[in-house]
Amino acid sequence: QVQLVESGGGLVQAGGSLRLSCTASEHTFSRNTMAWFRQTPGKEREFVAAIDWRGGSSYYRDSVEGRFTVSRDHAKNTMYLQMNELHSDDTAVYYCAAGPSSGRIAVKIWKTYKIWGQGTQVTVSS
């Protein structure tokens, strides 16, 4: 049973914007921290952004702070990642994740997440 489905990836020019979506089952979405990670070939999966289950706290990696915004809509069981001012080094496969992580350290560790989506490709051309 697929529990997380990402969408919204694609090809965009540097400086442009994209919005990623991650839709979950209500059971998965309601009480979990939700996060975005990304990965490029040959590199370890890296944290991008996370939002706690209430939506009151959000966290970002330094390189996307001020450019990316994570949000969640409980009525739609969907998390979003609005990405502005995209750089070529934002190119990656972006993964949505759900898990019981909490706190500004644990939410950035991919191994603490239990459920993952299939990934969506984001390509930024320079």
C-alpha atoms as a PDB file:
ATOM      1  CA  GLN A   1       0.000   0.000   0.000  1.00  0.00           C
ATOM      2  CA  VAL A   2       1.478   3.325  -1.113  1.00  0.00           C
ATOM      3  CA  GLN A   3       1.365   5.762   1.757  1.00  0.00           C
ATOM      4  CA  LEU A   4       3.214   8.804   0.380  1.00  0.00           C
ATOM      5  CA  VAL A   5       2.915  10.171  -3.147  1.00  0.00           C
ATOM      6  CA  GLU A   6       5.056  13.081  -4.344  1.00  0.00           C
ATOM      7  CA  SER A   7       4.311  15.298  -7.323  1.00  0.00           C
ATOM      8  CA  GLY A   8       5.346  18.629  -8.779  1.00  0.00           C
ATOM      9  CA  GLY A   9       8.899  17.954  -9.889  1.00  0.00           C
ATOM     10  CA  GLY A  10      10.192  18.979 -13.275  1.00  0.00           C
ATOM     11  CA  LEU A  11      12.650  21.085 -15.232  1.00  0.00           C
ATOM     12  CA  VAL A  12      13.051  24.760 -14.404  1.00  0.00           C
ATOM     13  CA  GLN A  13      15.593  27.458 -15.169  1.00  0.00           C
ATOM     14  CA  ALA A  14      17.858  28.834 -12.476  1.00  0.00           C
ATOM     15  CA  GLY A  15      16.042  31.524 -10.528  1.00  0.00           C
ATOM     16  CA  GLY A  16      12.671  29.908 -11.155  1.00  0.00           C
ATOM     17  CA  SER A  17      10.212  28.254  -8.797  1.00  0.00           C
ATOM     18  CA  LEU A  18       8.541  24.894  -8.271  1.00  0.00           C
ATOM     19  CA  ARG A  19       6.100  23.568  -5.714  1.00  0.00           C
ATOM     20  CA  LEU A  20       6.318  19.959  -4.613  1.00  0.00           C
ATOM     21  CA  SER A  21       3.397  18.142  -3.021  1.00  0.00           C
ATOM     22  CA  CYS A  22       3.314  15.032  -0.882  1.00  0.00           C
ATOM     23  CA  THR A  23      -0.040  13.408  -0.244  1.00  0.00           C
ATOM     24  CA  ALA A  24      -0.409  10.861   2.524  1.00  0.00           C
ATOM     25  CA  SER A  25      -3.050   8.665   4.039  1.00  0.00           C
ATOM     26  CA  GLU A  26      -4.786  10.316   6.955  1.00  0.00           C
ATOM     27  CA  HIS A  27      -3.296   7.767   9.346  1.00  0.00           C
ATOM     28  CA  THR A  28       0.233   8.555   8.145  1.00  0.00           C
ATOM     29  CA  PHE A  29      -0.208  12.301   7.972  1.00  0.00           C
ATOM     30  CA  SER A  30      -2.071  13.129  11.142  1.00  0.00           C
ATOM     31  CA  ARG A  31       0.505  12.492  13.859  1.00  0.00           C
ATOM     32  CA  ASN A  32       3.843  12.405  12.064  1.00  0.00           C
ATOM     33  CA  THR A  33       6.515  14.916  11.385  1.00  0.00           C
ATOM     34  CA  MET A  34       6.751  15.322   7.632  1.00  0.00           C
ATOM     35  CA  ALA A  35       9.991  16.066   5.814  1.00  0.00           C
ATOM     36  CA  TRP A  36      11.683  16.520   2.474  1.00  0.00           C
ATOM     37  CA  PHE A  37      15.035  14.998   1.655  1.00  0.00           C
ATOM     38  CA  ARG A  38      16.950  14.999  -1.606  1.00  0.00           C
ATOM     39  CA  GLN A  39      19.578  12.849  -3.218  1.00  0.00           C
ATOM     40  CA  THR A  40      21.899  13.034  -6.186  1.00  0.00           C
ATOM     41  CA  PRO A  41      23.775  10.064  -7.675  1.00  0.00           C
ATOM     42  CA  GLY A  42      26.693   8.916  -5.563  1.00  0.00           C
ATOM     43  CA  LYS A  43      25.760  11.092  -2.599  1.00  0.00           C
ATOM     44  CA  GLU A  44      23.977  10.413   0.652  1.00  0.00           C
ATOM     45  CA  ARG A  45      20.405  11.518   1.068  1.00  0.00           C
ATOM     46  CA  GLU A  46      20.360  14.996   2.611  1.00  0.00           C
ATOM     47  CA  PHE A  47      17.812  16.850   4.678  1.00  0.00           C
ATOM     48  CA  VAL A  48      15.975  19.739   3.039  1.00  0.00           C
ATOM     49  CA  ALA A  49      13.045  20.748   5.259  1.00  0.00           C
ATOM     50  CA  ALA A  50      10.660  19.375   7.860  1.00  0.00           C
ATOM     51  CA  ILE A  51       7.482  20.404   9.626  1.00  0.00           C
ATOM     52  CA  ASP A  52       6.103  19.004  12.875  1.00  0.00           C
ATOM     53  CA  TRP A  53       2.714  17.310  13.001  1.00  0.00           C
ATOM     54  CA  ARG A  54       0.927  20.400  14.271  1.00  0.00           C
ATOM     55  CA  GLY A  55       2.558  22.590  11.663  1.00  0.00           C
ATOM     56  CA  GLY A  56       3.891  24.907  14.337  1.00  0.00           C
ATOM     57  CA  SER A  57       7.605  24.282  13.842  1.00  0.00           C
ATOM     58  CA  SER A  58       9.537  24.050  10.614  1.00  0.00           C
ATOM     59  CA  TYR A  59      13.193  23.344   9.939  1.00  0.00           C
ATOM     60  CA  TYR A  60      15.468  23.933   6.960  1.00  0.00           C
ATOM     61  CA  ARG A  61      18.960  23.149   5.802  1.00  0.00           C
ATOM     62  CA  ASP A  62      21.052  26.295   5.701  1.00  0.00           C
ATOM     63  CA  SER A  63      21.397  26.434   1.921  1.00  0.00           C
ATOM     64  CA  VAL A  64      17.620  26.619   1.345  1.00  0.00           C
ATOM     65  CA  GLU A  65      16.672  28.869   4.269  1.00  0.00           C
ATOM     66  CA  GLY A  66      14.819  31.894   2.945  1.00  0.00           C
ATOM     67  CA  ARG A  67      14.216  30.294  -0.474  1.00  0.00           C
ATOM     68  CA  PHE A  68      12.154  27.221   0.394  1.00  0.00           C
ATOM     69  CA  THR A  69       8.999  27.061   2.494  1.00  0.00           C
ATOM     70  CA  VAL A  70       7.490  23.875   3.903  1.00  0.00           C
ATOM     71  CA  SER A  71       3.817  23.744   4.865  1.00  0.00           C
ATOM     72  CA  ARG A  72       1.087  21.192   5.501  1.00  0.00           C
ATOM     73  CA  ASP A  73      -2.658  21.109   4.958  1.00  0.00           C
ATOM     74  CA  HIS A  74      -4.409  18.702   7.310  1.00  0.00           C
ATOM     75  CA  ALA A  75      -7.696  18.939   5.414  1.00  0.00           C
ATOM     76  CA  LYS A  76      -5.948  17.546   2.328  1.00  0.00           C
ATOM     77  CA  ASN A  77      -3.386  15.325   4.097  1.00  0.00           C
ATOM     78  CA  THR A  78      -0.777  17.061   1.983  1.00  0.00           C
ATOM     79  CA  MET A  79       2.607  18.632   2.626  1.00  0.00           C
ATOM     80  CA  TYR A  80       4.088  21.212   0.288  1.00  0.00           C
ATOM     81  CA  LEU A  81       7.549  22.501  -0.485  1.00  0.00           C
ATOM     82  CA  GLN A  82       7.550  25.857  -2.226  1.00  0.00           C
ATOM     83  CA  MET A  83      10.959  26.307  -3.822  1.00  0.00           C
ATOM     84  CA  ASN A  84      11.949  29.760  -5.053  1.00  0.00           C
ATOM     85  CA  GLU A  85      15.179  31.150  -6.485  1.00  0.00           C
ATOM     86  CA  LEU A  86      16.275  27.690  -7.509  1.00  0.00           C
ATOM     87  CA  HIS A  87      19.959  27.029  -8.113  1.00  0.00           C
ATOM     88  CA  SER A  88      21.555  24.351 -10.254  1.00  0.00           C
ATOM     89  CA  ASP A  89      22.790  22.637  -7.091  1.00  0.00           C
ATOM     90  CA  ASP A  90      19.163  22.124  -6.022  1.00  0.00           C
ATOM     91  CA  THR A  91      18.959  19.507  -8.773  1.00  0.00           C
ATOM     92  CA  ALA A  92      18.141  16.153  -7.171  1.00  0.00           C
ATOM     93  CA  VAL A  93      15.481  13.560  -6.594  1.00  0.00           C
ATOM     94  CA  TYR A  94      13.290  14.895  -3.801  1.00  0.00           C
ATOM     95  CA  TYR A  95      11.739  12.445  -1.356  1.00  0.00           C
ATOM     96  CA  CYS A  96       8.888  12.933   1.052  1.00  0.00           C
ATOM     97  CA  ALA A  97       9.124  11.185   4.424  1.00  0.00           C
ATOM     98  CA  ALA A  98       6.969  10.697   7.503  1.00  0.00           C
ATOM     99  CA  GLY A  99       7.981   9.676  10.986  1.00  0.00           C
ATOM    100  CA  PRO A 100       7.794  10.303  14.704  1.00  0.00           C
ATOM    101  CA  SER A 101      10.924  12.497  14.759  1.00  0.00           C
ATOM    102  CA  SER A 102      10.824  15.613  16.843  1.00  0.00           C
ATOM    103  CA  GLY A 103      13.266  18.328  17.736  1.00  0.00           C
ATOM    104  CA  ARG A 104      15.618  20.286  15.539  1.00  0.00           C
ATOM    105  CA  ILE A 105      18.317  17.586  15.460  1.00  0.00           C
ATOM    106  CA  ALA A 106      16.340  14.370  14.968  1.00  0.00           C
ATOM    107  CA  VAL A 107      14.142  15.750  12.194  1.00  0.00           C
ATOM    108  CA  LYS A 108      17.246  16.195  10.008  1.00  0.00           C
ATOM    109  CA  ILE A 109      18.337  12.536  10.212  1.00  0.00           C
ATOM    110  CA  TRP A 110      16.882  10.421   7.413  1.00  0.00           C
ATOM    111  CA  LYS A 111      17.156   7.175   9.382  1.00  0.00           C
ATOM    112  CA  THR A 112      14.558   8.417  11.886  1.00  0.00           C
ATOM    113  CA  TYR A 113      11.819   8.398   9.237  1.00  0.00           C
ATOM    114  CA  LYS A 114       9.734   5.271   8.774  1.00  0.00           C
ATOM    115  CA  ILE A 115       7.755   5.938   5.606  1.00  0.00           C
ATOM    116  CA  TRP A 116       9.057   7.229   2.268  1.00  0.00           C
ATOM    117  CA  GLY A 117       7.646   8.263  -1.059  1.00  0.00           C
ATOM    118  CA  GLN A 118       8.979   7.184  -4.426  1.00  0.00           C
ATOM    119  CA  GLY A 119      10.717  10.492  -5.173  1.00  0.00           C
ATOM    120  CA  THR A 120      10.248  13.208  -7.769  1.00  0.00           C
ATOM    121  CA  GLN A 121      12.997  14.626  -9.984  1.00  0.00           C
ATOM    122  CA  VAL A 122      13.821  18.322  -9.827  1.00  0.00           C
ATOM    123  CA  THR A 123      16.218  19.594 -12.471  1.00  0.00           C
ATOM    124  CA  VAL A 124      17.434  23.192 -12.472  1.00  0.00           C
ATOM    125  CA  SER A 125      19.173  24.323 -15.630  1.00  0.00           C
ATOM    126  CA  SER A 126      21.787  27.061 -15.418  1.00  0.00           C
END
